[in-house]
PDB file of N, CA and C in Angstrom:
ATOM      1  N   MET A   1      70.447  44.591 -20.440  1.00  0.00           N
ATOM      2  CA  MET A   1      69.952  44.278 -19.138  1.00  0.00           C
ATOM      3  C   MET A   1      68.699  43.722 -19.466  1.00  0.00           C
ATOM      4  N   ASN A   2      68.284  42.628 -18.849  1.00  0.00           N
ATOM      5  CA  ASN A   2      67.070  41.884 -18.668  1.00  0.00           C
ATOM      6  C   ASN A   2      65.987  42.675 -17.710  1.00  0.00           C
ATOM      7  N   THR A   3      64.796  42.913 -18.197  1.00  0.00           N
ATOM      8  CA  THR A   3      63.887  43.559 -17.307  1.00  0.00           C
ATOM      9  C   THR A   3      63.229  42.328 -16.749  1.00  0.00           C
ATOM     10  N   PRO A   4      63.003  42.257 -15.367  1.00  0.00           N
ATOM     11  CA  PRO A   4      62.317  41.351 -14.594  1.00  0.00           C
ATOM     12  C   PRO A   4      60.829  41.215 -15.157  1.00  0.00           C
ATOM     13  N   PHE A   5      60.400  39.892 -15.210  1.00  0.00           N
ATOM     14  CA  PHE A   5      59.161  39.603 -15.541  1.00  0.00           C
ATOM     15  C   PHE A   5      58.063  40.266 -14.675  1.00  0.00           C
ATOM     16  N   GLU A   6      57.208  40.915 -15.143  1.00  0.00           N
ATOM     17  CA  GLU A   6      56.034  41.628 -14.243  1.00  0.00           C
ATOM     18  C   GLU A   6      55.180  40.298 -14.131  1.00  0.00           C
ATOM     19  N   SER A   7      54.563  39.987 -12.745  1.00  0.00           N
ATOM     20  CA  SER A   7      53.661  39.128 -12.516  1.00  0.00           C
ATOM     21  C   SER A   7      52.516  39.614 -12.727  1.00  0.00           C
ATOM     22  N   ARG A   8      51.405  38.613 -13.550  1.00  0.00           N
ATOM     23  CA  ARG A   8      50.227  38.903 -13.792  1.00  0.00           C
ATOM     24  C   ARG A   8      49.337  37.621 -13.514  1.00  0.00           C
ATOM     25  N   THR A   9      47.868  38.130 -13.717  1.00  0.00           N
ATOM     26  CA  THR A   9      47.019  36.926 -13.371  1.00  0.00           C
ATOM     27  C   THR A   9      46.464  36.651 -14.729  1.00  0.00           C
ATOM     28  N   LEU A  10      46.333  35.262 -15.001  1.00  0.00           N
ATOM     29  CA  LEU A  10      45.509  34.904 -16.334  1.00  0.00           C
ATOM     30  C   LEU A  10      44.055  34.771 -15.811  1.00  0.00           C
ATOM     31  N   VAL A  11      43.336  35.524 -16.797  1.00  0.00           N
ATOM     32  CA  VAL A  11      41.854  35.388 -16.412  1.00  0.00           C
ATOM     33  C   VAL A  11      41.089  35.328 -17.767  1.00  0.00           C
ATOM     34  N   ASN A  12      39.617  35.100 -17.594  1.00  0.00           N
ATOM     35  CA  ASN A  12      38.909  35.302 -18.678  1.00  0.00           C
ATOM     36  C   ASN A  12      38.003  36.457 -18.461  1.00  0.00           C
ATOM     37  N   GLY A  13      36.934  36.729 -19.210  1.00  0.00           N
ATOM     38  CA  GLY A  13      36.240  37.977 -19.055  1.00  0.00           C
ATOM     39  C   GLY A  13      35.396  38.090 -17.840  1.00  0.00           C
ATOM     40  N   GLY A  14      35.083  36.961 -17.413  1.00  0.00           N
ATOM     41  CA  GLY A  14      33.953  36.834 -16.126  1.00  0.00           C
ATOM     42  C   GLY A  14      34.718  37.187 -14.994  1.00  0.00           C
ATOM     43  N   MET A  15      36.299  37.064 -15.256  1.00  0.00           N
ATOM     44  CA  MET A  15      36.992  37.208 -13.852  1.00  0.00           C
ATOM     45  C   MET A  15      37.505  38.677 -13.677  1.00  0.00           C
ATOM     46  N   LEU A  16      37.329  39.452 -14.786  1.00  0.00           N
ATOM     47  CA  LEU A  16      37.937  40.657 -14.711  1.00  0.00           C
ATOM     48  C   LEU A  16      37.587  41.578 -13.563  1.00  0.00           C
ATOM     49  N   LYS A  17      36.241  41.754 -12.859  1.00  0.00           N
ATOM     50  CA  LYS A  17      35.975  42.446 -11.837  1.00  0.00           C
ATOM     51  C   LYS A  17      36.643  42.217 -10.741  1.00  0.00           C
ATOM     52  N   GLN A  18      36.992  40.939 -10.555  1.00  0.00           N
ATOM     53  CA  GLN A  18      37.956  40.505  -9.454  1.00  0.00           C
ATOM     54  C   GLN A  18      39.089  41.279  -9.559  1.00  0.00           C
ATOM     55  N   PHE A  19      39.829  41.589 -10.593  1.00  0.00           N
ATOM     56  CA  PHE A  19      41.127  41.803 -10.792  1.00  0.00           C
ATOM     57  C   PHE A  19      41.285  43.400 -11.021  1.00  0.00           C
ATOM     58  N   THR A  20      40.425  44.335 -10.749  1.00  0.00           N
ATOM     59  CA  THR A  20      40.394  45.676 -11.172  1.00  0.00           C
ATOM     60  C   THR A  20      41.692  46.280 -10.433  1.00  0.00           C
ATOM     61  N   GLY A  21      42.503  46.938 -11.171  1.00  0.00           N
ATOM     62  CA  GLY A  21      43.641  47.737 -10.607  1.00  0.00           C
ATOM     63  C   GLY A  21      44.785  46.856 -10.691  1.00  0.00           C
ATOM     64  N   GLN A  22      44.866  45.425 -11.084  1.00  0.00           N
ATOM     65  CA  GLN A  22      45.762  44.701 -11.016  1.00  0.00           C
ATOM     66  C   GLN A  22      46.312  44.145 -12.253  1.00  0.00           C
ATOM     67  N   SER A  23      47.397  43.739 -12.473  1.00  0.00           N
ATOM     68  CA  SER A  23      48.023  43.134 -13.942  1.00  0.00           C
ATOM     69  C   SER A  23      47.466  41.906 -14.070  1.00  0.00           C
ATOM     70  N   VAL A  24      46.774  41.907 -15.439  1.00  0.00           N
ATOM     71  CA  VAL A  24      46.187  40.648 -15.872  1.00  0.00           C
ATOM     72  C   VAL A  24      46.650  40.361 -17.337  1.00  0.00           C
ATOM     73  N   SER A  25      46.342  38.880 -17.742  1.00  0.00           N
ATOM     74  CA  SER A  25      46.647  38.596 -19.143  1.00  0.00           C
ATOM     75  C   SER A  25      45.215  38.069 -19.525  1.00  0.00           C
ATOM     76  N   ILE A  26      45.002  38.128 -20.630  1.00  0.00           N
ATOM     77  CA  ILE A  26      43.593  37.833 -21.121  1.00  0.00           C
ATOM     78  C   ILE A  26      43.641  37.434 -22.511  1.00  0.00           C
ATOM     79  N   MET A  27      43.108  36.389 -23.116  1.00  0.00           N
ATOM     80  CA  MET A  27      42.979  36.087 -24.771  1.00  0.00           C
ATOM     81  C   MET A  27      41.932  36.446 -25.129  1.00  0.00           C
ATOM     82  N   VAL A  28      41.758  37.276 -26.050  1.00  0.00           N
ATOM     83  CA  VAL A  28      40.454  37.674 -26.719  1.00  0.00           C
ATOM     84  C   VAL A  28      40.560  37.661 -28.387  1.00  0.00           C
ATOM     85  N   ARG A  29      39.268  37.605 -28.782  1.00  0.00           N
ATOM     86  CA  ARG A  29      39.151  37.572 -30.192  1.00  0.00           C
ATOM     87  C   ARG A  29      38.643  39.087 -30.767  1.00  0.00           C
ATOM     88  N   VAL A  30      39.237  39.393 -31.837  1.00  0.00           N
ATOM     89  CA  VAL A  30      39.054  40.714 -32.300  1.00  0.00           C
ATOM     90  C   VAL A  30      37.803  40.826 -32.920  1.00  0.00           C
ATOM     91  N   GLU A  31      37.091  41.810 -32.495  1.00  0.00           N
ATOM     92  CA  GLU A  31      35.583  42.170 -33.356  1.00  0.00           C
ATOM     93  C   GLU A  31      36.069  43.508 -34.262  1.00  0.00           C
ATOM     94  N   SER A  32      36.639  44.495 -33.687  1.00  0.00           N
ATOM     95  CA  SER A  32      37.036  45.515 -34.354  1.00  0.00           C
ATOM     96  C   SER A  32      38.079  46.328 -33.739  1.00  0.00           C
ATOM     97  N   VAL A  33      38.742  47.105 -34.841  1.00  0.00           N
ATOM     98  CA  VAL A  33      39.730  48.188 -34.081  1.00  0.00           C
ATOM     99  C   VAL A  33      39.811  49.276 -34.765  1.00  0.00           C
ATOM    100  N   ALA A  34      39.722  50.336 -33.823  1.00  0.00           N
ATOM    101  CA  ALA A  34      39.592  51.776 -34.489  1.00  0.00           C
ATOM    102  C   ALA A  34      40.745  52.690 -33.620  1.00  0.00           C
ATOM    103  N   GLY A  35      41.592  52.866 -34.281  1.00  0.00           N
ATOM    104  CA  GLY A  35      42.570  53.799 -33.622  1.00  0.00           C
ATOM    105  C   GLY A  35      43.372  52.891 -32.469  1.00  0.00           C
ATOM    106  N   THR A  36      43.308  53.431 -31.315  1.00  0.00           N
ATOM    107  CA  THR A  36      43.720  52.770 -30.315  1.00  0.00           C
ATOM    108  C   THR A  36      42.749  52.086 -29.177  1.00  0.00           C
ATOM    109  N   THR A  37      41.492  51.781 -29.924  1.00  0.00           N
ATOM    110  CA  THR A  37      40.481  51.260 -29.254  1.00  0.00           C
ATOM    111  C   THR A  37      40.218  49.777 -29.860  1.00  0.00           C
ATOM    112  N   LEU A  38      40.221  48.705 -29.183  1.00  0.00           N
ATOM    113  CA  LEU A  38      40.068  47.369 -29.608  1.00  0.00           C
ATOM    114  C   LEU A  38      38.667  46.883 -28.932  1.00  0.00           C
ATOM    115  N   LEU A  39      37.867  46.607 -29.859  1.00  0.00           N
ATOM    116  CA  LEU A  39      36.521  45.709 -29.272  1.00  0.00           C
ATOM    117  C   LEU A  39      36.823  44.439 -29.638  1.00  0.00           C
ATOM    118  N   ALA A  40      36.654  43.525 -28.406  1.00  0.00           N
ATOM    119  CA  ALA A  40      36.888  41.965 -28.617  1.00  0.00           C
ATOM    120  C   ALA A  40      35.929  41.190 -27.794  1.00  0.00           C
ATOM    121  N   ALA A  41      35.926  40.099 -27.857  1.00  0.00           N
ATOM    122  CA  ALA A  41      35.143  38.985 -27.188  1.00  0.00           C
ATOM    123  C   ALA A  41      36.284  38.021 -26.412  1.00  0.00           C
ATOM    124  N   SER A  42      36.025  37.854 -25.221  1.00  0.00           N
ATOM    125  CA  SER A  42      36.883  36.955 -24.345  1.00  0.00           C
ATOM    126  C   SER A  42      36.602  35.559 -24.501  1.00  0.00           C
ATOM    127  N   THR A  43      37.241  34.554 -24.137  1.00  0.00           N
ATOM    128  CA  THR A  43      37.111  33.117 -24.351  1.00  0.00           C
ATOM    129  C   THR A  43      35.679  32.778 -23.784  1.00  0.00           C
ATOM    130  N   ASP A  44      35.159  33.368 -22.759  1.00  0.00           N
ATOM    131  CA  ASP A  44      33.825  32.969 -22.151  1.00  0.00           C
ATOM    132  C   ASP A  44      32.849  34.097 -22.685  1.00  0.00           C
ATOM    133  N   ASN A  45      33.150  34.664 -23.826  1.00  0.00           N
ATOM    134  CA  ASN A  45      32.039  35.594 -24.790  1.00  0.00           C
ATOM    135  C   ASN A  45      31.552  36.858 -23.954  1.00  0.00           C
ATOM    136  N   GLN A  46      32.706  37.246 -23.126  1.00  0.00           N
ATOM    137  CA  GLN A  46      32.359  38.596 -22.626  1.00  0.00           C
ATOM    138  C   GLN A  46      32.759  39.675 -23.666  1.00  0.00           C
ATOM    139  N   LYS A  47      32.022  40.690 -23.834  1.00  0.00           N
ATOM    140  CA  LYS A  47      32.393  41.748 -24.715  1.00  0.00           C
ATOM    141  C   LYS A  47      33.173  42.982 -23.882  1.00  0.00           C
ATOM    142  N   LEU A  48      34.517  43.039 -24.515  1.00  0.00           N
ATOM    143  CA  LEU A  48      35.432  44.044 -23.938  1.00  0.00           C
ATOM    144  C   LEU A  48      35.757  45.153 -24.668  1.00  0.00           C
ATOM    145  N   ARG A  49      36.292  46.240 -23.983  1.00  0.00           N
ATOM    146  CA  ARG A  49      36.619  47.372 -24.752  1.00  0.00           C
ATOM    147  C   ARG A  49      38.182  47.507 -24.159  1.00  0.00           C
ATOM    148  N   ILE A  50      39.128  47.758 -24.961  1.00  0.00           N
ATOM    149  CA  ILE A  50      40.590  47.712 -24.565  1.00  0.00           C
ATOM    150  C   ILE A  50      41.180  49.033 -25.358  1.00  0.00           C
ATOM    151  N   ASN A  51      41.740  49.561 -24.395  1.00  0.00           N
ATOM    152  CA  ASN A  51      42.436  50.873 -24.649  1.00  0.00           C
ATOM    153  C   ASN A  51      43.872  50.564 -25.017  1.00  0.00           C
ATOM    154  N   LEU A  52      44.275  50.586 -26.140  1.00  0.00           N
ATOM    155  CA  LEU A  52      45.682  50.007 -26.653  1.00  0.00           C
ATOM    156  C   LEU A  52      46.827  51.106 -26.499  1.00  0.00           C
ATOM    157  N   PRO A  53      47.911  50.970 -26.252  1.00  0.00           N
ATOM    158  CA  PRO A  53      49.124  51.828 -26.063  1.00  0.00           C
ATOM    159  C   PRO A  53      49.668  52.382 -27.509  1.00  0.00           C
ATOM    160  N   SER A  54      49.052  51.570 -28.501  1.00  0.00           N
ATOM    161  CA  SER A  54      49.339  52.203 -29.895  1.00  0.00           C
ATOM    162  C   SER A  54      48.386  51.409 -30.806  1.00  0.00           C
ATOM    163  N   GLU A  55      48.376  51.859 -32.132  1.00  0.00           N
ATOM    164  CA  GLU A  55      47.471  51.456 -32.968  1.00  0.00           C
ATOM    165  C   GLU A  55      47.831  49.836 -33.158  1.00  0.00           C
ATOM    166  N   LEU A  56      46.834  49.009 -33.711  1.00  0.00           N
ATOM    167  CA  LEU A  56      46.926  47.565 -33.819  1.00  0.00           C
ATOM    168  C   LEU A  56      46.269  47.224 -35.106  1.00  0.00           C
ATOM    169  N   ASP A  57      47.048  46.465 -35.911  1.00  0.00           N
ATOM    170  CA  ASP A  57      46.822  45.986 -37.149  1.00  0.00           C
ATOM    171  C   ASP A  57      46.399  44.622 -37.298  1.00  0.00           C
ATOM    172  N   ALA A  58      45.338  44.348 -36.471  1.00  0.00           N
ATOM    173  CA  ALA A  58      44.917  42.770 -36.526  1.00  0.00           C
ATOM    174  C   ALA A  58      43.489  42.656 -36.966  1.00  0.00           C
ATOM    175  N   ALA A  59      43.461  41.611 -37.743  1.00  0.00           N
ATOM    176  CA  ALA A  59      42.306  41.238 -38.580  1.00  0.00           C
ATOM    177  C   ALA A  59      41.080  40.867 -37.645  1.00  0.00           C
ATOM    178  N   GLN A  60      39.906  41.183 -38.059  1.00  0.00           N
ATOM    179  CA  GLN A  60      38.588  40.771 -37.521  1.00  0.00           C
ATOM    180  C   GLN A  60      38.591  39.206 -37.236  1.00  0.00           C
ATOM    181  N   GLY A  61      38.459  38.606 -36.058  1.00  0.00           N
ATOM    182  CA  GLY A  61      38.497  37.148 -35.902  1.00  0.00           C
ATOM    183  C   GLY A  61      39.672  36.531 -35.430  1.00  0.00           C
ATOM    184  N   SER A  62      40.835  37.408 -35.385  1.00  0.00           N
ATOM    185  CA  SER A  62      42.095  37.011 -34.871  1.00  0.00           C
ATOM    186  C   SER A  62      42.215  37.043 -33.402  1.00  0.00           C
ATOM    187  N   TRP A  63      42.889  36.242 -32.807  1.00  0.00           N
ATOM    188  CA  TRP A  63      43.418  36.057 -31.315  1.00  0.00           C
ATOM    189  C   TRP A  63      44.517  36.759 -30.869  1.00  0.00           C
ATOM    190  N   VAL A  64      44.336  37.658 -29.653  1.00  0.00           N
ATOM    191  CA  VAL A  64      45.483  38.308 -29.319  1.00  0.00           C
ATOM    192  C   VAL A  64      45.423  38.058 -27.732  1.00  0.00           C
ATOM    193  N   GLU A  65      46.636  38.143 -27.378  1.00  0.00           N
ATOM    194  CA  GLU A  65      46.902  38.212 -25.667  1.00  0.00           C
ATOM    195  C   GLU A  65      46.843  39.691 -25.312  1.00  0.00           C
ATOM    196  N   VAL A  66      46.198  39.945 -24.212  1.00  0.00           N
ATOM    197  CA  VAL A  66      46.207  41.578 -23.940  1.00  0.00           C
ATOM    198  C   VAL A  66      46.918  41.338 -22.534  1.00  0.00           C
ATOM    199  N   ILE A  67      47.799  42.161 -22.080  1.00  0.00           N
ATOM    200  CA  ILE A  67      48.393  42.178 -20.812  1.00  0.00           C
ATOM    201  C   ILE A  67      48.197  43.738 -20.531  1.00  0.00           C
ATOM    202  N   GLY A  68      47.454  44.049 -19.320  1.00  0.00           N
ATOM    203  CA  GLY A  68      47.076  45.193 -19.084  1.00  0.00           C
ATOM    204  C   GLY A  68      46.258  45.160 -17.428  1.00  0.00           C
ATOM    205  N   ILE A  69      45.831  46.346 -17.573  1.00  0.00           N
ATOM    206  CA  ILE A  69      45.175  46.536 -16.027  1.00  0.00           C
ATOM    207  C   ILE A  69      43.604  46.798 -16.319  1.00  0.00           C
ATOM    208  N   PRO A  70      42.711  45.897 -15.616  1.00  0.00           N
ATOM    209  CA  PRO A  70      41.366  46.239 -15.861  1.00  0.00           C
ATOM    210  C   PRO A  70      40.886  47.363 -14.993  1.00  0.00           C
ATOM    211  N   SER A  71      40.036  48.436 -15.634  1.00  0.00           N
ATOM    212  CA  SER A  71      39.772  49.696 -14.941  1.00  0.00           C
ATOM    213  C   SER A  71      38.213  49.524 -14.637  1.00  0.00           C
ATOM    214  N   ALA A  72      37.551  48.648 -15.268  1.00  0.00           N
ATOM    215  CA  ALA A  72      36.061  48.524 -15.033  1.00  0.00           C
ATOM    216  C   ALA A  72      35.896  47.234 -15.532  1.00  0.00           C
ATOM    217  N   GLY A  73      34.459  46.853 -15.182  1.00  0.00           N
ATOM    218  CA  GLY A  73      34.245  45.522 -15.615  1.00  0.00           C
ATOM    219  C   GLY A  73      34.280  44.979 -16.962  1.00  0.00           C
ATOM    220  N   ASP A  74      34.262  45.807 -18.023  1.00  0.00           N
ATOM    221  CA  ASP A  74      34.419  45.392 -19.277  1.00  0.00           C
ATOM    222  C   ASP A  74      35.686  46.430 -20.053  1.00  0.00           C
ATOM    223  N   THR A  75      36.594  46.901 -19.490  1.00  0.00           N
ATOM    224  CA  THR A  75      37.661  47.742 -19.862  1.00  0.00           C
ATOM    225  C   THR A  75      38.812  47.524 -19.373  1.00  0.00           C
ATOM    226  N   ILE A  76      39.740  47.527 -20.396  1.00  0.00           N
ATOM    227  CA  ILE A  76      41.485  47.180 -19.999  1.00  0.00           C
ATOM    228  C   ILE A  76      42.030  48.192 -20.525  1.00  0.00           C
ATOM    229  N   ARG A  77      42.964  48.626 -19.772  1.00  0.00           N
ATOM    230  CA  ARG A  77      44.250  49.654 -20.265  1.00  0.00           C
ATOM    231  C   ARG A  77      45.472  48.786 -20.505  1.00  0.00           C
ATOM    232  N   ALA A  78      45.647  48.439 -21.766  1.00  0.00           N
ATOM    233  CA  ALA A  78      46.584  47.431 -22.078  1.00  0.00           C
ATOM    234  C   ALA A  78      47.841  48.196 -22.071  1.00  0.00           C
ATOM    235  N   LYS A  79      48.800  47.325 -21.858  1.00  0.00           N
ATOM    236  CA  LYS A  79      50.279  47.573 -21.503  1.00  0.00           C
ATOM    237  C   LYS A  79      51.011  47.058 -22.982  1.00  0.00           C
ATOM    238  N   GLU A  80      50.442  45.855 -23.294  1.00  0.00           N
ATOM    239  CA  GLU A  80      51.099  44.886 -24.391  1.00  0.00           C
ATOM    240  C   GLU A  80      50.213  44.151 -24.889  1.00  0.00           C
ATOM    241  N   ILE A  81      50.050  43.962 -26.299  1.00  0.00           N
ATOM    242  CA  ILE A  81      49.314  43.069 -27.037  1.00  0.00           C
ATOM    243  C   ILE A  81      50.309  42.021 -27.739  1.00  0.00           C
ATOM    244  N   ILE A  82      49.999  40.758 -27.612  1.00  0.00           N
ATOM    245  CA  ILE A  82      50.613  39.766 -28.495  1.00  0.00           C
ATOM    246  C   ILE A  82      49.759  39.110 -29.363  1.00  0.00           C
ATOM    247  N   GLU A  83      50.006  39.214 -30.600  1.00  0.00           N
ATOM    248  CA  GLU A  83      49.414  38.581 -31.797  1.00  0.00           C
ATOM    249  C   GLU A  83      49.572  37.061 -32.178  1.00  0.00           C
ATOM    250  N   PHE A  84      48.434  36.425 -32.236  1.00  0.00           N
ATOM    251  CA  PHE A  84      48.723  34.970 -32.583  1.00  0.00           C
ATOM    252  C   PHE A  84      48.470  34.385 -33.799  1.00  0.00           C
ATOM    253  N   GLY A  85      49.049  35.163 -35.023  1.00  0.00           N
ATOM    254  CA  GLY A  85      48.756  34.504 -36.386  1.00  0.00           C
ATOM    255  C   GLY A  85      47.523  34.534 -37.038  1.00  0.00           C
ATOM    256  N   GLY A  86      46.715  35.394 -36.623  1.00  0.00           N
ATOM    257  CA  GLY A  86      45.415  35.730 -37.461  1.00  0.00           C
ATOM    258  C   GLY A  86      44.370  34.783 -37.177  1.00  0.00           C
ATOM    259  N   GLU A  87      43.213  34.953 -37.825  1.00  0.00           N
ATOM    260  CA  GLU A  87      41.931  34.423 -37.626  1.00  0.00           C
ATOM    261  C   GLU A  87      41.915  32.826 -37.640  1.00  0.00           C
ATOM    262  N   ASN A  88      42.870  32.154 -38.440  1.00  0.00           N
ATOM    263  CA  ASN A  88      42.926  30.727 -38.798  1.00  0.00           C
ATOM    264  C   ASN A  88      43.571  29.861 -37.726  1.00  0.00           C
ATOM    265  N   ILE A  89      43.997  30.313 -36.519  1.00  0.00           N
ATOM    266  CA  ILE A  89      44.472  29.501 -35.641  1.00  0.00           C
ATOM    267  C   ILE A  89      43.364  28.619 -34.877  1.00  0.00           C
ATOM    268  N   ASP A  90      43.710  27.360 -34.437  1.00  0.00           N
ATOM    269  CA  ASP A  90      42.891  26.788 -33.583  1.00  0.00           C
ATOM    270  C   ASP A  90      43.025  26.820 -32.237  1.00  0.00           C
ATOM    271  N   PHE A  91      42.262  27.788 -31.601  1.00  0.00           N
ATOM    272  CA  PHE A  91      42.478  28.238 -30.234  1.00  0.00           C
ATOM    273  C   PHE A  91      41.332  27.546 -29.496  1.00  0.00           C
ATOM    274  N   ASP A  92      41.554  26.641 -28.289  1.00  0.00           N
ATOM    275  CA  ASP A  92      40.735  25.741 -27.576  1.00  0.00           C
ATOM    276  C   ASP A  92      40.293  26.705 -26.350  1.00  0.00           C
ATOM    277  N   VAL A  93      39.045  27.483 -26.670  1.00  0.00           N
ATOM    278  CA  VAL A  93      38.527  28.319 -25.526  1.00  0.00           C
ATOM    279  C   VAL A  93      38.183  27.628 -24.325  1.00  0.00           C
ATOM    280  N   ASP A  94      37.817  26.343 -24.425  1.00  0.00           N
ATOM    281  CA  ASP A  94      37.382  25.653 -23.301  1.00  0.00           C
ATOM    282  C   ASP A  94      38.513  25.130 -22.393  1.00  0.00           C
ATOM    283  N   SER A  95      39.444  24.750 -23.016  1.00  0.00           N
ATOM    284  CA  SER A  95      40.475  24.795 -22.189  1.00  0.00           C
ATOM    285  C   SER A  95      41.455  25.774 -21.602  1.00  0.00           C
ATOM    286  N   TYR A  96      41.209  26.878 -22.310  1.00  0.00           N
ATOM    287  CA  TYR A  96      41.688  28.005 -21.466  1.00  0.00           C
ATOM    288  C   TYR A  96      40.910  28.597 -20.379  1.00  0.00           C
ATOM    289  N   ASN A  97      39.621  28.553 -20.477  1.00  0.00           N
ATOM    290  CA  ASN A  97      38.771  28.782 -19.529  1.00  0.00           C
ATOM    291  C   ASN A  97      38.942  27.849 -18.388  1.00  0.00           C
ATOM    292  N   THR A  98      39.383  26.640 -18.552  1.00  0.00           N
ATOM    293  CA  THR A  98      39.505  25.630 -17.322  1.00  0.00           C
ATOM    294  C   THR A  98      40.658  26.062 -16.778  1.00  0.00           C
ATOM    295  N   MET A  99      41.616  26.525 -17.602  1.00  0.00           N
ATOM    296  CA  MET A  99      43.092  26.600 -17.091  1.00  0.00           C
ATOM    297  C   MET A  99      43.068  27.853 -16.084  1.00  0.00           C
ATOM    298  N   THR A 100      42.375  28.987 -16.482  1.00  0.00           N
ATOM    299  CA  THR A 100      42.134  30.105 -15.665  1.00  0.00           C
ATOM    300  C   THR A 100      41.349  29.747 -14.480  1.00  0.00           C
ATOM    301  N   GLN A 101      40.326  29.085 -14.642  1.00  0.00           N
ATOM    302  CA  GLN A 101      39.655  28.694 -13.255  1.00  0.00           C
ATOM    303  C   GLN A 101      40.552  28.044 -12.301  1.00  0.00           C
ATOM    304  N   LEU A 102      41.230  26.811 -12.863  1.00  0.00           N
ATOM    305  CA  LEU A 102      42.043  26.095 -12.027  1.00  0.00           C
ATOM    306  C   LEU A 102      43.247  26.954 -11.334  1.00  0.00           C
ATOM    307  N   LEU A 103      43.989  27.859 -12.104  1.00  0.00           N
ATOM    308  CA  LEU A 103      45.077  28.664 -11.817  1.00  0.00           C
ATOM    309  C   LEU A 103      44.678  29.738 -10.488  1.00  0.00           C
ATOM    310  N   ASN A 104      43.332  30.019 -10.677  1.00  0.00           N
ATOM    311  CA  ASN A 104      42.860  30.953  -9.790  1.00  0.00           C
ATOM    312  C   ASN A 104      42.252  30.072  -8.572  1.00  0.00           C
ATOM    313  N   ASN A 105      41.951  29.016  -8.523  1.00  0.00           N
ATOM    314  CA  ASN A 105      41.503  28.337  -7.500  1.00  0.00           C
ATOM    315  C   ASN A 105      42.596  27.594  -6.478  1.00  0.00           C
ATOM    316  N   VAL A 106      43.595  27.499  -7.225  1.00  0.00           N
ATOM    317  CA  VAL A 106      44.672  26.944  -6.314  1.00  0.00           C
ATOM    318  C   VAL A 106      46.169  27.684  -6.416  1.00  0.00           C
ATOM    319  N   GLN A 107      45.877  28.861  -6.020  1.00  0.00           N
ATOM    320  CA  GLN A 107      46.853  30.043  -6.053  1.00  0.00           C
ATOM    321  C   GLN A 107      48.065  29.650  -5.137  1.00  0.00           C
ATOM    322  N   GLN A 108      47.874  29.241  -4.107  1.00  0.00           N
ATOM    323  CA  GLN A 108      49.043  28.924  -3.271  1.00  0.00           C
ATOM    324  C   GLN A 108      49.872  28.016  -3.861  1.00  0.00           C
ATOM    325  N   PHE A 109      49.365  26.828  -4.241  1.00  0.00           N
ATOM    326  CA  PHE A 109      50.101  25.829  -4.968  1.00  0.00           C
ATOM    327  C   PHE A 109      50.896  26.242  -6.231  1.00  0.00           C
ATOM    328  N   TYR A 110      50.033  26.953  -7.093  1.00  0.00           N
ATOM    329  CA  TYR A 110      50.549  27.439  -8.205  1.00  0.00           C
ATOM    330  C   TYR A 110      51.943  28.603  -7.947  1.00  0.00           C
ATOM    331  N   ARG A 111      51.768  29.558  -6.897  1.00  0.00           N
ATOM    332  CA  ARG A 111      52.824  30.442  -6.874  1.00  0.00           C
ATOM    333  C   ARG A 111      54.038  29.746  -6.132  1.00  0.00           C
ATOM    334  N   TYR A 112      53.751  28.808  -5.297  1.00  0.00           N
ATOM    335  CA  TYR A 112      54.805  28.308  -4.424  1.00  0.00           C
ATOM    336  C   TYR A 112      55.402  26.952  -4.743  1.00  0.00           C
ATOM    337  N   GLY A 113      54.687  26.225  -5.925  1.00  0.00           N
ATOM    338  CA  GLY A 113      55.251  25.076  -6.538  1.00  0.00           C
ATOM    339  C   GLY A 113      54.544  23.803  -5.749  1.00  0.00           C
TER     340      GLY A 113
END
């Protein structure tokens, strides 16, 4: 049986405070991992602390998507982590930041088509 897709808001680091307690998705670049704590930088260079559901084996510099709940301005309780192939991917942070701004400024259109 398929589990329904849980809605979440795509954000960057500067937007997290607006979504405290709500489900979000954010792309981050790994700075370090120690046990179940990930220290990372968002696409807009905000330093974040992410509490992981389990240990993560991601290389420094690699990009991951974090799906979780922000609990403070720079802390996220992760539900899921999606890895994107290591540190050698070409990730366009400017386009990602533009997309998050656009999606959050035209929410009614985005949600209802």
